[in-house]
Amino acid sequence: MDYYRELFDLIEKQHKWRGSCINLIASENVTSPAVREAIVSDFGHRYAEGLLGGRSNGIQLFDRFYQGTRYFDGIEAIAMKLAEDLFGAEHANVVPVSGAIANLTVYNALTHYGDKISGLRVEAGGHISHTHVSCAGVIGLKDVPYAFDEREMNIDVDRSRETLLKEKPRIMMLGASVFLFPHPIRELREVADEINAKIVYDGAHVLGLIAGGRFQDPFREGADVFTTSTHKTFPGPQGGMILCKNELASKIDNSAFPGLTSNHHLHHVAGLAVALVEMQKFGREYADQIIRNSKALAQAMYELGFSVLCEHKDFTESHQVLVDVSSIGGGDRVANDCEKANIILNKNLLPWDSLKDAGNPSGIRIGVPEVTHIGMKESEMNEIAEFLKRVVIEKEKPERVKKDVIEFMKDYNKVHYCFESELGAYENIRFK
């Protein structure tokens, strides 16, 4: 078998297929052509292990163990400065290679084996890295779940306070995988101070919204640390980042390197820096449109007969829409049928599910970062809702709907809210 030819054939098929799909995965996005150019640069061949030195005029200096990093030093320093300015942080670390590793880096820096960590249960939308089954468990942390208000789809502060005062977690995690509304940072700050806990805000899903001045302001509201991935509502390359106060910077930096990361994927740092520049310029407009689109899609689906959560709160204040499909086949069936129609979304546990329901949970989670990034607005959300109704409620053959989806997507192959380029959103870059 000619694996070389087959591999590039699969790559080409991926570009063509995803360019003909409506992508509603809440954790995905497409990067701009400028970010893609940075990702395929020479930095992908290089290493830059080393320690952070002092600063000169606010710009980070480095003490590298490798030669040949003179230009990358400038890129990493710019990325750090841009992140600090954009998110109101005293210090940024761009070494983590994912959001989960960013969380693990903070846990390693601020806790000891056997300490406790509070966070949301997975069923309530919490991310696995906040629990003992993932990163928190790797270093022996014990879970202290928050009480959750299923109607409001948020942490129940009053019911959680008693548990927190009793269990005294060292870290109080905020942020989630299902993240419809801002988390109560201010309300929990008083409890954190009383038990000497650090508030760590995992903003992976909402980083782009925060960059655009929407959703919430973690540091102003009382967070000590802000961890994140860099590729959801924030349209950068896949990677991680930690923002923190200066008093915690040394511990976190040492935990990142040499603690948990050696080489930190320099080409992705370059791409992150470019994405930060673009979000500085275009982020407010992009974040505003994301939220308008998510609300419009939720409203349209609700009016078409879908059981969209939190109608009493205008459905969402983020990029996400959560739908209970338990009465029309369950999340697994709905997600699979939609994929057959070239509509990509994911099944998702709802708060009243158990972990045993993960294979076919009650819900689906829908997100609009990517469709917004390729130029769709409220009117297109109405069309998407109609496609979903045809597949999910009317049980029309997905293959018939697929034809209309492919035709619909022909008008959306350009990335918006970025610097101009002729490169298509899903165009394959060829070097041979």
Foldseek 3Di string as FASTA:
>chain_A
DPVVVVVVVVLVVVLVLLLLFAEFAQAFAFAAPVLVVLLPDPLLVDFWFWAWDPDDPQFTDTDTPDPDCVVLSVLLRLLFVLVCVLQVFPTKDFQFFALLSLLLLVCQLQHAAAAEEEDADVLLFADCSRALVHSCVVRHYHYDYFDADQQVSAGDLVRRLVSCLVRLGQEYEADGRDDFAAYQLLSCQVSCVVSVHAYEYECASFVLLVSLVFRDRNVVSHHAKYKYFQGGLQPFDTGIMIGGHPVSVVSSSVCSPPNPGGGRSSSRSNSSSQSSVLCNPQSNVLSVQLQQQQLLLLVLLVVLPWAWHDVVPSQGRGQKTKTFQQVQFFFQVLQVLSVLLSYHWGGGRHNPDDPVCVNGHRMTMTGCSHVVQQPDGSVVSNVVSVLSCVCGVVVPRSNVNSVVSSVVSVVGFHGPSHDDDPHTSSDDDDDD
